[in-house]
Amino acid sequence: MKDTVHEPAIQYYVDKLADRNYVKPYGDDDNPRPWYTAAEALGAIGKPAIPALIGHLDTPDPYELKLVLYALMLASQDPELLRVTQGDYLQLDTVLTEDDNMANRQRAIEWWRQHHHHW
């Protein structure tokens, strides 16, 4: 089922995932950290964002894939979705590292295979 309420925001933020400048700093001067704005926004949208994110698992851009996976992990923890998946969300051992992209991508594909019928 398509979510027309969130569709424009989902498309906007999915398009921004590859933009390395679409981040905000947070933390203190000694420990600045990047806030991945698009991934966090998609995670907050939750369940409606997941099909669009799944559609980007084949991106050749390692940076974008890292953020797709992070957004998927966040979105899969949507309370509505957790009710129907009986608490099963996309669990990634390490997030926000390109070194783990392929293992995390495989986990995302397996999670989607188990739960795609909820859409």
PDB file of N, CA and C in Angstrom:
ATOM      1  N   MET A   1       0.837  -1.180   0.000  1.00  0.00           N
ATOM      2  CA  MET A   1       0.000   0.000   0.000  1.00  0.00           C
ATOM      3  C   MET A   1       0.882   1.244   0.000  1.00  0.00           C
ATOM      4  N   LYS A   2       0.602   2.169  -0.882  1.00  0.00           N
ATOM      5  CA  LYS A   2       1.370   3.396  -1.013  1.00  0.00           C
ATOM      6  C   LYS A   2       0.899   4.414   0.020  1.00  0.00           C
ATOM      7  N   ASP A   3       1.824   5.119   0.629  1.00  0.00           N
ATOM      8  CA  ASP A   3       1.532   6.126   1.634  1.00  0.00           C
ATOM      9  C   ASP A   3       1.629   7.494   0.969  1.00  0.00           C
ATOM     10  N   THR A   4       0.488   8.038   0.523  1.00  0.00           N
ATOM     11  CA  THR A   4       0.502   9.299  -0.210  1.00  0.00           C
ATOM     12  C   THR A   4       0.761  10.497   0.695  1.00  0.00           C
ATOM     13  N   VAL A   5       0.488  10.376   1.994  1.00  0.00           N
ATOM     14  CA  VAL A   5       0.735  11.477   2.925  1.00  0.00           C
ATOM     15  C   VAL A   5       2.231  11.749   3.047  1.00  0.00           C
ATOM     16  N   HIS A   6       3.021  10.693   3.187  1.00  0.00           N
ATOM     17  CA  HIS A   6       4.458  10.840   3.387  1.00  0.00           C
ATOM     18  C   HIS A   6       5.269  10.817   2.091  1.00  0.00           C
ATOM     19  N   GLU A   7       4.625  10.487   0.986  1.00  0.00           N
ATOM     20  CA  GLU A   7       5.346  10.265  -0.270  1.00  0.00           C
ATOM     21  C   GLU A   7       6.281  11.408  -0.671  1.00  0.00           C
ATOM     22  N   PRO A   8       5.852  12.681  -0.646  1.00  0.00           N
ATOM     23  CA  PRO A   8       6.787  13.747  -1.044  1.00  0.00           C
ATOM     24  C   PRO A   8       8.009  13.837  -0.126  1.00  0.00           C
ATOM     25  N   ALA A   9       7.804  13.708   1.162  1.00  0.00           N
ATOM     26  CA  ALA A   9       8.924  13.775   2.108  1.00  0.00           C
ATOM     27  C   ALA A   9       9.856  12.581   1.922  1.00  0.00           C
ATOM     28  N   ILE A  10       9.274  11.413   1.723  1.00  0.00           N
ATOM     29  CA  ILE A  10      10.095  10.218   1.517  1.00  0.00           C
ATOM     30  C   ILE A  10      10.979  10.400   0.292  1.00  0.00           C
ATOM     31  N   GLN A  11      10.402  10.829  -0.802  1.00  0.00           N
ATOM     32  CA  GLN A  11      11.173  11.018  -2.029  1.00  0.00           C
ATOM     33  C   GLN A  11      12.258  12.072  -1.834  1.00  0.00           C
ATOM     34  N   TYR A  12      11.920  13.160  -1.168  1.00  0.00           N
ATOM     35  CA  TYR A  12      12.887  14.226  -0.925  1.00  0.00           C
ATOM     36  C   TYR A  12      14.082  13.696  -0.141  1.00  0.00           C
ATOM     37  N   TYR A  13      13.811  13.012   0.963  1.00  0.00           N
ATOM     38  CA  TYR A  13      14.910  12.536   1.806  1.00  0.00           C
ATOM     39  C   TYR A  13      15.686  11.381   1.177  1.00  0.00           C
ATOM     40  N   VAL A  14      15.026  10.514   0.442  1.00  0.00           N
ATOM     41  CA  VAL A  14      15.747   9.447  -0.264  1.00  0.00           C
ATOM     42  C   VAL A  14      16.710  10.075  -1.276  1.00  0.00           C
ATOM     43  N   ASP A  15      16.265  11.104  -1.965  1.00  0.00           N
ATOM     44  CA  ASP A  15      17.132  11.787  -2.927  1.00  0.00           C
ATOM     45  C   ASP A  15      18.322  12.465  -2.251  1.00  0.00           C
ATOM     46  N   LYS A  16      18.202  12.816  -0.985  1.00  0.00           N
ATOM     47  CA  LYS A  16      19.269  13.493  -0.244  1.00  0.00           C
ATOM     48  C   LYS A  16      20.267  12.534   0.406  1.00  0.00           C
ATOM     49  N   LEU A  17      19.985  11.238   0.433  1.00  0.00           N
ATOM     50  CA  LEU A  17      20.873  10.302   1.116  1.00  0.00           C
ATOM     51  C   LEU A  17      22.305  10.320   0.577  1.00  0.00           C
ATOM     52  N   ALA A  18      22.475  10.500  -0.709  1.00  0.00           N
ATOM     53  CA  ALA A  18      23.814  10.489  -1.309  1.00  0.00           C
ATOM     54  C   ALA A  18      24.544  11.827  -1.167  1.00  0.00           C
ATOM     55  N   ASP A  19      23.855  12.853  -0.701  1.00  0.00           N
ATOM     56  CA  ASP A  19      24.430  14.194  -0.587  1.00  0.00           C
ATOM     57  C   ASP A  19      25.279  14.296   0.680  1.00  0.00           C
ATOM     58  N   ARG A  20      26.570  14.279   0.523  1.00  0.00           N
ATOM     59  CA  ARG A  20      27.496  14.315   1.664  1.00  0.00           C
ATOM     60  C   ARG A  20      27.458  15.635   2.429  1.00  0.00           C
ATOM     61  N   ASN A  21      26.851  16.636   1.854  1.00  0.00           N
ATOM     62  CA  ASN A  21      26.717  17.928   2.529  1.00  0.00           C
ATOM     63  C   ASN A  21      25.409  18.069   3.290  1.00  0.00           C
ATOM     64  N   TYR A  22      24.534  17.092   3.158  1.00  0.00           N
ATOM     65  CA  TYR A  22      23.226  17.183   3.824  1.00  0.00           C
ATOM     66  C   TYR A  22      23.328  16.557   5.217  1.00  0.00           C
ATOM     67  N   VAL A  23      24.163  17.154   6.031  1.00  0.00           N
ATOM     68  CA  VAL A  23      24.367  16.737   7.413  1.00  0.00           C
ATOM     69  C   VAL A  23      24.412  17.992   8.276  1.00  0.00           C
ATOM     70  N   LYS A  24      24.178  17.805   9.567  1.00  0.00           N
ATOM     71  CA  LYS A  24      24.317  18.884  10.536  1.00  0.00           C
ATOM     72  C   LYS A  24      25.268  18.387  11.620  1.00  0.00           C
ATOM     73  N   PRO A  25      26.105  19.256  12.128  1.00  0.00           N
ATOM     74  CA  PRO A  25      26.977  18.827  13.222  1.00  0.00           C
ATOM     75  C   PRO A  25      26.221  18.854  14.551  1.00  0.00           C
ATOM     76  N   TYR A  26      26.607  17.958  15.432  1.00  0.00           N
ATOM     77  CA  TYR A  26      26.112  18.002  16.802  1.00  0.00           C
ATOM     78  C   TYR A  26      27.240  17.545  17.714  1.00  0.00           C
ATOM     79  N   GLY A  27      27.055  17.681  18.992  1.00  0.00           N
ATOM     80  CA  GLY A  27      28.116  17.369  19.937  1.00  0.00           C
ATOM     81  C   GLY A  27      28.863  18.632  20.319  1.00  0.00           C
ATOM     82  N   ASP A  28      29.938  18.472  21.051  1.00  0.00           N
ATOM     83  CA  ASP A  28      30.710  19.640  21.464  1.00  0.00           C
ATOM     84  C   ASP A  28      31.923  19.845  20.563  1.00  0.00           C
ATOM     85  N   ASP A  29      32.672  20.893  20.841  1.00  0.00           N
ATOM     86  CA  ASP A  29      33.833  21.228  20.000  1.00  0.00           C
ATOM     87  C   ASP A  29      34.891  20.129  20.005  1.00  0.00           C
ATOM     88  N   ASP A  30      35.004  19.411  21.103  1.00  0.00           N
ATOM     89  CA  ASP A  30      36.004  18.351  21.194  1.00  0.00           C
ATOM     90  C   ASP A  30      35.564  17.047  20.542  1.00  0.00           C
ATOM     91  N   ASN A  31      34.269  16.895  20.361  1.00  0.00           N
ATOM     92  CA  ASN A  31      33.751  15.648  19.811  1.00  0.00           C
ATOM     93  C   ASN A  31      32.592  15.935  18.848  1.00  0.00           C
ATOM     94  N   PRO A  32      32.875  16.650  17.753  1.00  0.00           N
ATOM     95  CA  PRO A  32      31.788  16.922  16.799  1.00  0.00           C
ATOM     96  C   PRO A  32      31.390  15.646  16.059  1.00  0.00           C
ATOM     97  N   ARG A  33      30.118  15.494  15.825  1.00  0.00           N
ATOM     98  CA  ARG A  33      29.582  14.313  15.141  1.00  0.00           C
ATOM     99  C   ARG A  33      28.634  14.775  14.044  1.00  0.00           C
ATOM    100  N   PRO A  34      28.550  14.021  12.954  1.00  0.00           N
ATOM    101  CA  PRO A  34      27.580  14.389  11.910  1.00  0.00           C
ATOM    102  C   PRO A  34      26.191  13.832  12.219  1.00  0.00           C
ATOM    103  N   TRP A  35      25.199  14.643  12.029  1.00  0.00           N
ATOM    104  CA  TRP A  35      23.795  14.231  12.122  1.00  0.00           C
ATOM    105  C   TRP A  35      23.342  14.006  10.683  1.00  0.00           C
ATOM    106  N   TYR A  36      23.068  12.757  10.347  1.00  0.00           N
ATOM    107  CA  TYR A  36      22.681  12.393   8.979  1.00  0.00           C
ATOM    108  C   TYR A  36      21.199  12.707   8.790  1.00  0.00           C
ATOM    109  N   THR A  37      20.935  13.934   8.404  1.00  0.00           N
ATOM    110  CA  THR A  37      19.595  14.510   8.387  1.00  0.00           C
ATOM    111  C   THR A  37      18.598  13.661   7.607  1.00  0.00           C
ATOM    112  N   ALA A  38      18.936  13.262   6.393  1.00  0.00           N
ATOM    113  CA  ALA A  38      17.997  12.514   5.559  1.00  0.00           C
ATOM    114  C   ALA A  38      17.700  11.142   6.159  1.00  0.00           C
ATOM    115  N   ALA A  39      18.722  10.445   6.609  1.00  0.00           N
ATOM    116  CA  ALA A  39      18.517   9.114   7.191  1.00  0.00           C
ATOM    117  C   ALA A  39      17.686   9.203   8.470  1.00  0.00           C
ATOM    118  N   GLU A  40      17.962  10.192   9.297  1.00  0.00           N
ATOM    119  CA  GLU A  40      17.188  10.367  10.534  1.00  0.00           C
ATOM    120  C   GLU A  40      15.730  10.693  10.226  1.00  0.00           C
ATOM    121  N   ALA A  41      15.504  11.543   9.223  1.00  0.00           N
ATOM    122  CA  ALA A  41      14.127  11.897   8.856  1.00  0.00           C
ATOM    123  C   ALA A  41      13.374  10.681   8.330  1.00  0.00           C
ATOM    124  N   LEU A  42      14.022   9.878   7.501  1.00  0.00           N
ATOM    125  CA  LEU A  42      13.371   8.663   6.985  1.00  0.00           C
ATOM    126  C   LEU A  42      13.106   7.675   8.108  1.00  0.00           C
ATOM    127  N   GLY A  43      14.025   7.578   9.033  1.00  0.00           N
ATOM    128  CA  GLY A  43      13.811   6.718  10.194  1.00  0.00           C
ATOM    129  C   GLY A  43      12.621   7.173  11.007  1.00  0.00           C
ATOM    130  N   ALA A  44      12.460   8.482  11.153  1.00  0.00           N
ATOM    131  CA  ALA A  44      11.322   9.020  11.903  1.00  0.00           C
ATOM    132  C   ALA A  44       9.995   8.780  11.174  1.00  0.00           C
ATOM    133  N   ILE A  45      10.018   8.795   9.854  1.00  0.00           N
ATOM    134  CA  ILE A  45       8.796   8.486   9.086  1.00  0.00           C
ATOM    135  C   ILE A  45       8.392   7.041   9.343  1.00  0.00           C
ATOM    136  N   GLY A  46       9.380   6.169   9.461  1.00  0.00           N
ATOM    137  CA  GLY A  46       9.107   4.780   9.842  1.00  0.00           C
ATOM    138  C   GLY A  46       8.643   3.906   8.703  1.00  0.00           C
ATOM    139  N   LYS A  47       7.654   3.093   9.002  1.00  0.00           N
ATOM    140  CA  LYS A  47       7.167   2.062   8.083  1.00  0.00           C
ATOM    141  C   LYS A  47       6.918   2.561   6.659  1.00  0.00           C
ATOM    142  N   PRO A  48       6.287   3.723   6.456  1.00  0.00           N
ATOM    143  CA  PRO A  48       6.031   4.156   5.073  1.00  0.00           C
ATOM    144  C   PRO A  48       7.291   4.376   4.240  1.00  0.00           C
ATOM    145  N   ALA A  49       8.421   4.621   4.878  1.00  0.00           N
ATOM    146  CA  ALA A  49       9.663   4.887   4.150  1.00  0.00           C
ATOM    147  C   ALA A  49      10.383   3.618   3.713  1.00  0.00           C
ATOM    148  N   ILE A  50      10.047   2.500   4.289  1.00  0.00           N
ATOM    149  CA  ILE A  50      10.823   1.277   4.065  1.00  0.00           C
ATOM    150  C   ILE A  50      10.835   0.810   2.614  1.00  0.00           C
ATOM    151  N   PRO A  51       9.720   0.746   1.898  1.00  0.00           N
ATOM    152  CA  PRO A  51       9.811   0.286   0.494  1.00  0.00           C
ATOM    153  C   PRO A  51      10.749   1.139  -0.358  1.00  0.00           C
ATOM    154  N   ALA A  52      10.733   2.447  -0.178  1.00  0.00           N
ATOM    155  CA  ALA A  52      11.642   3.306  -0.946  1.00  0.00           C
ATOM    156  C   ALA A  52      13.088   3.027  -0.581  1.00  0.00           C
ATOM    157  N   LEU A  53      13.350   2.783   0.676  1.00  0.00           N
ATOM    158  CA  LEU A  53      14.718   2.472   1.109  1.00  0.00           C
ATOM    159  C   LEU A  53      15.167   1.127   0.564  1.00  0.00           C
ATOM    160  N   ILE A  54      14.295   0.158   0.595  1.00  0.00           N
ATOM    161  CA  ILE A  54      14.629  -1.164   0.037  1.00  0.00           C
ATOM    162  C   ILE A  54      14.995  -1.010  -1.436  1.00  0.00           C
ATOM    163  N   GLY A  55      14.308  -0.139  -2.128  1.00  0.00           N
ATOM    164  CA  GLY A  55      14.584   0.105  -3.534  1.00  0.00           C
ATOM    165  C   GLY A  55      15.954   0.708  -3.797  1.00  0.00           C
ATOM    166  N   HIS A  56      16.607   1.203  -2.757  1.00  0.00           N
ATOM    167  CA  HIS A  56      17.938   1.808  -2.917  1.00  0.00           C
ATOM    168  C   HIS A  56      19.066   0.934  -2.369  1.00  0.00           C
ATOM    169  N   LEU A  57      18.774  -0.299  -2.040  1.00  0.00           N
ATOM    170  CA  LEU A  57      19.824  -1.192  -1.544  1.00  0.00           C
ATOM    171  C   LEU A  57      20.856  -1.549  -2.611  1.00  0.00           C
ATOM    172  N   ASP A  58      20.535  -1.302  -3.858  1.00  0.00           N
ATOM    173  CA  ASP A  58      21.459  -1.620  -4.948  1.00  0.00           C
ATOM    174  C   ASP A  58      22.305  -0.426  -5.385  1.00  0.00           C
ATOM    175  N   THR A  59      22.287   0.641  -4.624  1.00  0.00           N
ATOM    176  CA  THR A  59      23.096   1.796  -5.004  1.00  0.00           C
ATOM    177  C   THR A  59      24.577   1.418  -5.058  1.00  0.00           C
ATOM    178  N   PRO A  60      25.288   1.900  -6.050  1.00  0.00           N
ATOM    179  CA  PRO A  60      26.729   1.616  -6.119  1.00  0.00           C
ATOM    180  C   PRO A  60      27.558   2.551  -5.217  1.00  0.00           C
ATOM    181  N   ASP A  61      26.925   3.565  -4.650  1.00  0.00           N
ATOM    182  CA  ASP A  61      27.608   4.548  -3.817  1.00  0.00           C
ATOM    183  C   ASP A  61      27.698   4.038  -2.375  1.00  0.00           C
ATOM    184  N   PRO A  62      28.897   3.714  -1.883  1.00  0.00           N
ATOM    185  CA  PRO A  62      29.036   3.166  -0.527  1.00  0.00           C
ATOM    186  C   PRO A  62      28.517   4.102   0.569  1.00  0.00           C
ATOM    187  N   TYR A  63      28.695   5.406   0.383  1.00  0.00           N
ATOM    188  CA  TYR A  63      28.190   6.377   1.360  1.00  0.00           C
ATOM    189  C   TYR A  63      26.665   6.322   1.421  1.00  0.00           C
ATOM    190  N   GLU A  64      26.044   6.352   0.255  1.00  0.00           N
ATOM    191  CA  GLU A  64      24.584   6.298   0.202  1.00  0.00           C
ATOM    192  C   GLU A  64      24.070   4.991   0.800  1.00  0.00           C
ATOM    193  N   LEU A  65      24.699   3.874   0.465  1.00  0.00           N
ATOM    194  CA  LEU A  65      24.263   2.583   0.999  1.00  0.00           C
ATOM    195  C   LEU A  65      24.347   2.566   2.519  1.00  0.00           C
ATOM    196  N   LYS A  66      25.412   3.113   3.057  1.00  0.00           N
ATOM    197  CA  LYS A  66      25.563   3.194   4.507  1.00  0.00           C
ATOM    198  C   LYS A  66      24.364   3.919   5.130  1.00  0.00           C
ATOM    199  N   LEU A  67      23.930   5.011   4.507  1.00  0.00           N
ATOM    200  CA  LEU A  67      22.811   5.784   5.048  1.00  0.00           C
ATOM    201  C   LEU A  67      21.468   5.119   4.777  1.00  0.00           C
ATOM    202  N   VAL A  68      21.338   4.434   3.650  1.00  0.00           N
ATOM    203  CA  VAL A  68      20.119   3.656   3.387  1.00  0.00           C
ATOM    204  C   VAL A  68      19.947   2.609   4.484  1.00  0.00           C
ATOM    205  N   LEU A  69      21.010   1.908   4.798  1.00  0.00           N
ATOM    206  CA  LEU A  69      20.960   0.861   5.823  1.00  0.00           C
ATOM    207  C   LEU A  69      20.651   1.442   7.201  1.00  0.00           C
ATOM    208  N   TYR A  70      21.255   2.570   7.519  1.00  0.00           N
ATOM    209  CA  TYR A  70      20.989   3.226   8.797  1.00  0.00           C
ATOM    210  C   TYR A  70      19.523   3.652   8.880  1.00  0.00           C
ATOM    211  N   ALA A  71      19.021   4.269   7.814  1.00  0.00           N
ATOM    212  CA  ALA A  71      17.619   4.692   7.790  1.00  0.00           C
ATOM    213  C   ALA A  71      16.677   3.491   7.897  1.00  0.00           C
ATOM    214  N   LEU A  72      17.015   2.392   7.230  1.00  0.00           N
ATOM    215  CA  LEU A  72      16.201   1.178   7.329  1.00  0.00           C
ATOM    216  C   LEU A  72      16.168   0.641   8.758  1.00  0.00           C
ATOM    217  N   MET A  73      17.315   0.639   9.407  1.00  0.00           N
ATOM    218  CA  MET A  73      17.361   0.174  10.788  1.00  0.00           C
ATOM    219  C   MET A  73      16.449   1.021  11.664  1.00  0.00           C
ATOM    220  N   LEU A  74      16.526   2.340  11.502  1.00  0.00           N
ATOM    221  CA  LEU A  74      15.685   3.234  12.298  1.00  0.00           C
ATOM    222  C   LEU A  74      14.204   3.052  11.964  1.00  0.00           C
ATOM    223  N   ALA A  75      13.885   3.037  10.674  1.00  0.00           N
ATOM    224  CA  ALA A  75      12.488   2.933  10.239  1.00  0.00           C
ATOM    225  C   ALA A  75      11.856   1.608  10.655  1.00  0.00           C
ATOM    226  N   SER A  76      12.657   0.547  10.703  1.00  0.00           N
ATOM    227  CA  SER A  76      12.108  -0.767  11.068  1.00  0.00           C
ATOM    228  C   SER A  76      11.717  -0.840  12.540  1.00  0.00           C
ATOM    229  N   GLN A  77      12.069   0.195  13.300  1.00  0.00           N
ATOM    230  CA  GLN A  77      11.695   0.241  14.711  1.00  0.00           C
ATOM    231  C   GLN A  77      10.424   1.061  14.951  1.00  0.00           C
ATOM    232  N   ASP A  78       9.715   1.377  13.871  1.00  0.00           N
ATOM    233  CA  ASP A  78       8.425   2.059  13.958  1.00  0.00           C
ATOM    234  C   ASP A  78       7.510   1.236  14.867  1.00  0.00           C
ATOM    235  N   PRO A  79       6.926   1.847  15.910  1.00  0.00           N
ATOM    236  CA  PRO A  79       6.075   1.080  16.843  1.00  0.00           C
ATOM    237  C   PRO A  79       4.946   0.307  16.158  1.00  0.00           C
ATOM    238  N   GLU A  80       4.335   0.906  15.138  1.00  0.00           N
ATOM    239  CA  GLU A  80       3.267   0.201  14.406  1.00  0.00           C
ATOM    240  C   GLU A  80       3.816  -1.060  13.743  1.00  0.00           C
ATOM    241  N   LEU A  81       4.987  -0.944  13.161  1.00  0.00           N
ATOM    242  CA  LEU A  81       5.604  -2.079  12.489  1.00  0.00           C
ATOM    243  C   LEU A  81       6.062  -3.132  13.495  1.00  0.00           C
ATOM    244  N   LEU A  82       6.601  -2.704  14.609  1.00  0.00           N
ATOM    245  CA  LEU A  82       7.040  -3.659  15.637  1.00  0.00           C
ATOM    246  C   LEU A  82       5.886  -4.517  16.142  1.00  0.00           C
ATOM    247  N   ARG A  83       4.689  -3.950  16.171  1.00  0.00           N
ATOM    248  CA  ARG A  83       3.516  -4.733  16.594  1.00  0.00           C
ATOM    249  C   ARG A  83       3.252  -5.893  15.630  1.00  0.00           C
ATOM    250  N   VAL A  84       3.362  -5.631  14.338  1.00  0.00           N
ATOM    251  CA  VAL A  84       3.044  -6.682  13.370  1.00  0.00           C
ATOM    252  C   VAL A  84       4.215  -7.629  13.113  1.00  0.00           C
ATOM    253  N   THR A  85       5.432  -7.181  13.392  1.00  0.00           N
ATOM    254  CA  THR A  85       6.599  -8.057  13.207  1.00  0.00           C
ATOM    255  C   THR A  85       6.969  -8.751  14.515  1.00  0.00           C
ATOM    256  N   GLN A  86       6.150  -8.538  15.521  1.00  0.00           N
ATOM    257  CA  GLN A  86       6.392  -9.123  16.846  1.00  0.00           C
ATOM    258  C   GLN A  86       7.768  -8.729  17.380  1.00  0.00           C
ATOM    259  N   GLY A  87       8.095  -7.451  17.197  1.00  0.00           N
ATOM    260  CA  GLY A  87       9.324  -6.898  17.738  1.00  0.00           C
ATOM    261  C   GLY A  87      10.563  -7.124  16.899  1.00  0.00           C
ATOM    262  N   ASP A  88      10.414  -7.724  15.721  1.00  0.00           N
ATOM    263  CA  ASP A  88      11.568  -7.999  14.872  1.00  0.00           C
ATOM    264  C   ASP A  88      11.868  -6.776  14.010  1.00  0.00           C
ATOM    265  N   TYR A  89      12.992  -6.146  14.259  1.00  0.00           N
ATOM    266  CA  TYR A  89      13.430  -5.014  13.452  1.00  0.00           C
ATOM    267  C   TYR A  89      14.789  -5.335  12.846  1.00  0.00           C
ATOM    268  N   LEU A  90      15.209  -4.530  11.910  1.00  0.00           N
ATOM    269  CA  LEU A  90      16.493  -4.744  11.263  1.00  0.00           C
ATOM    270  C   LEU A  90      17.612  -4.426  12.254  1.00  0.00           C
ATOM    271  N   GLN A  91      18.309  -5.455  12.673  1.00  0.00           N
ATOM    272  CA  GLN A  91      19.395  -5.291  13.634  1.00  0.00           C
ATOM    273  C   GLN A  91      20.729  -5.384  12.895  1.00  0.00           C
ATOM    274  N   LEU A  92      21.502  -4.330  13.007  1.00  0.00           N
ATOM    275  CA  LEU A  92      22.805  -4.263  12.375  1.00  0.00           C
ATOM    276  C   LEU A  92      23.862  -4.232  13.472  1.00  0.00           C
ATOM    277  N   ASP A  93      24.880  -5.058  13.341  1.00  0.00           N
ATOM    278  CA  ASP A  93      25.930  -5.067  14.358  1.00  0.00           C
ATOM    279  C   ASP A  93      26.673  -3.742  14.417  1.00  0.00           C
ATOM    280  N   THR A  94      27.028  -3.216  13.275  1.00  0.00           N
ATOM    281  CA  THR A  94      27.760  -1.966  13.182  1.00  0.00           C
ATOM    282  C   THR A  94      27.038  -1.074  12.193  1.00  0.00           C
ATOM    283  N   VAL A  95      26.794   0.161  12.581  1.00  0.00           N
ATOM    284  CA  VAL A  95      26.119   1.097  11.677  1.00  0.00           C
ATOM    285  C   VAL A  95      27.059   2.234  11.333  1.00  0.00           C
ATOM    286  N   LEU A  96      26.770   2.867  10.226  1.00  0.00           N
ATOM    287  CA  LEU A  96      27.484   4.047   9.776  1.00  0.00           C
ATOM    288  C   LEU A  96      28.966   3.799   9.496  1.00  0.00           C
ATOM    289  N   THR A  97      29.253   2.582   9.024  1.00  0.00           N
ATOM    290  CA  THR A  97      30.584   2.290   8.516  1.00  0.00           C
ATOM    291  C   THR A  97      30.424   1.603   7.159  1.00  0.00           C
ATOM    292  N   GLU A  98      31.139   2.096   6.195  1.00  0.00           N
ATOM    293  CA  GLU A  98      31.055   1.518   4.858  1.00  0.00           C
ATOM    294  C   GLU A  98      31.672   0.127   4.809  1.00  0.00           C
ATOM    295  N   ASP A  99      32.576  -0.176   5.721  1.00  0.00           N
ATOM    296  CA  ASP A  99      33.213  -1.496   5.744  1.00  0.00           C
ATOM    297  C   ASP A  99      32.210  -2.623   5.950  1.00  0.00           C
ATOM    298  N   ASP A 100      31.116  -2.342   6.609  1.00  0.00           N
ATOM    299  CA  ASP A 100      30.115  -3.360   6.915  1.00  0.00           C
ATOM    300  C   ASP A 100      28.910  -3.316   5.983  1.00  0.00           C
ATOM    301  N   ASN A 101      28.984  -2.523   4.934  1.00  0.00           N
ATOM    302  CA  ASN A 101      27.840  -2.368   4.030  1.00  0.00           C
ATOM    303  C   ASN A 101      27.320  -3.695   3.483  1.00  0.00           C
ATOM    304  N   MET A 102      28.195  -4.548   3.003  1.00  0.00           N
ATOM    305  CA  MET A 102      27.721  -5.770   2.337  1.00  0.00           C
ATOM    306  C   MET A 102      27.040  -6.716   3.325  1.00  0.00           C
ATOM    307  N   ALA A 103      27.608  -6.884   4.503  1.00  0.00           N
ATOM    308  CA  ALA A 103      26.974  -7.736   5.515  1.00  0.00           C
ATOM    309  C   ALA A 103      25.651  -7.129   5.963  1.00  0.00           C
ATOM    310  N   ASN A 104      25.623  -5.823   6.168  1.00  0.00           N
ATOM    311  CA  ASN A 104      24.386  -5.163   6.584  1.00  0.00           C
ATOM    312  C   ASN A 104      23.344  -5.189   5.479  1.00  0.00           C
ATOM    313  N   ARG A 105      23.784  -5.051   4.243  1.00  0.00           N
ATOM    314  CA  ARG A 105      22.853  -5.135   3.112  1.00  0.00           C
ATOM    315  C   ARG A 105      22.191  -6.511   3.083  1.00  0.00           C
ATOM    316  N   GLN A 106      22.966  -7.555   3.311  1.00  0.00           N
ATOM    317  CA  GLN A 106      22.408  -8.901   3.314  1.00  0.00           C
ATOM    318  C   GLN A 106      21.392  -9.064   4.452  1.00  0.00           C
ATOM    319  N   ARG A 107      21.690  -8.515   5.607  1.00  0.00           N
ATOM    320  CA  ARG A 107      20.738  -8.558   6.723  1.00  0.00           C
ATOM    321  C   ARG A 107      19.442  -7.831   6.375  1.00  0.00           C
ATOM    322  N   ALA A 108      19.579  -6.692   5.701  1.00  0.00           N
ATOM    323  CA  ALA A 108      18.392  -5.931   5.303  1.00  0.00           C
ATOM    324  C   ALA A 108      17.546  -6.722   4.314  1.00  0.00           C
ATOM    325  N   ILE A 109      18.188  -7.376   3.368  1.00  0.00           N
ATOM    326  CA  ILE A 109      17.458  -8.184   2.390  1.00  0.00           C
ATOM    327  C   ILE A 109      16.733  -9.324   3.086  1.00  0.00           C
ATOM    328  N   GLU A 110      17.372  -9.986   4.013  1.00  0.00           N
ATOM    329  CA  GLU A 110      16.730 -11.084   4.749  1.00  0.00           C
ATOM    330  C   GLU A 110      15.562 -10.574   5.582  1.00  0.00           C
ATOM    331  N   TRP A 111      15.751  -9.444   6.248  1.00  0.00           N
ATOM    332  CA  TRP A 111      14.661  -8.868   7.048  1.00  0.00           C
ATOM    333  C   TRP A 111      13.470  -8.535   6.143  1.00  0.00           C
ATOM    334  N   TRP A 112      13.739  -7.943   4.977  1.00  0.00           N
ATOM    335  CA  TRP A 112      12.686  -7.594   4.034  1.00  0.00           C
ATOM    336  C   TRP A 112      11.969  -8.848   3.532  1.00  0.00           C
ATOM    337  N   ARG A 113      12.712  -9.913   3.247  1.00  0.00           N
ATOM    338  CA  ARG A 113      12.085 -11.165   2.796  1.00  0.00           C
ATOM    339  C   ARG A 113      11.108 -11.697   3.839  1.00  0.00           C
ATOM    340  N   GLN A 114      11.445 -11.536   5.082  1.00  0.00           N
ATOM    341  CA  GLN A 114      10.576 -12.030   6.156  1.00  0.00           C
ATOM    342  C   GLN A 114       9.342 -11.161   6.361  1.00  0.00           C
ATOM    343  N   HIS A 115       9.448  -9.876   6.057  1.00  0.00           N
ATOM    344  CA  HIS A 115       8.383  -8.951   6.451  1.00  0.00           C
ATOM    345  C   HIS A 115       7.747  -8.149   5.327  1.00  0.00           C
ATOM    346  N   HIS A 116       8.136  -8.360   4.080  1.00  0.00           N
ATOM    347  CA  HIS A 116       7.597  -7.545   2.988  1.00  0.00           C
ATOM    348  C   HIS A 116       6.087  -7.654   2.843  1.00  0.00           C
ATOM    349  N   HIS A 117       5.500  -8.720   3.334  1.00  0.00           N
ATOM    350  CA  HIS A 117       4.046  -8.889   3.197  1.00  0.00           C
ATOM    351  C   HIS A 117       3.249  -7.894   4.055  1.00  0.00           C
ATOM    352  N   HIS A 118       3.910  -7.128   4.889  1.00  0.00           N
ATOM    353  CA  HIS A 118       3.213  -6.136   5.721  1.00  0.00           C
ATOM    354  C   HIS A 118       2.937  -4.836   4.960  1.00  0.00           C
ATOM    355  N   TRP A 119       3.361  -4.781   3.678  1.00  0.00           N
ATOM    356  CA  TRP A 119       3.121  -3.576   2.882  1.00  0.00           C
ATOM    357  C   TRP A 119       2.101  -3.823   1.827  1.00  0.00           C
TER     358      TRP A 119
END
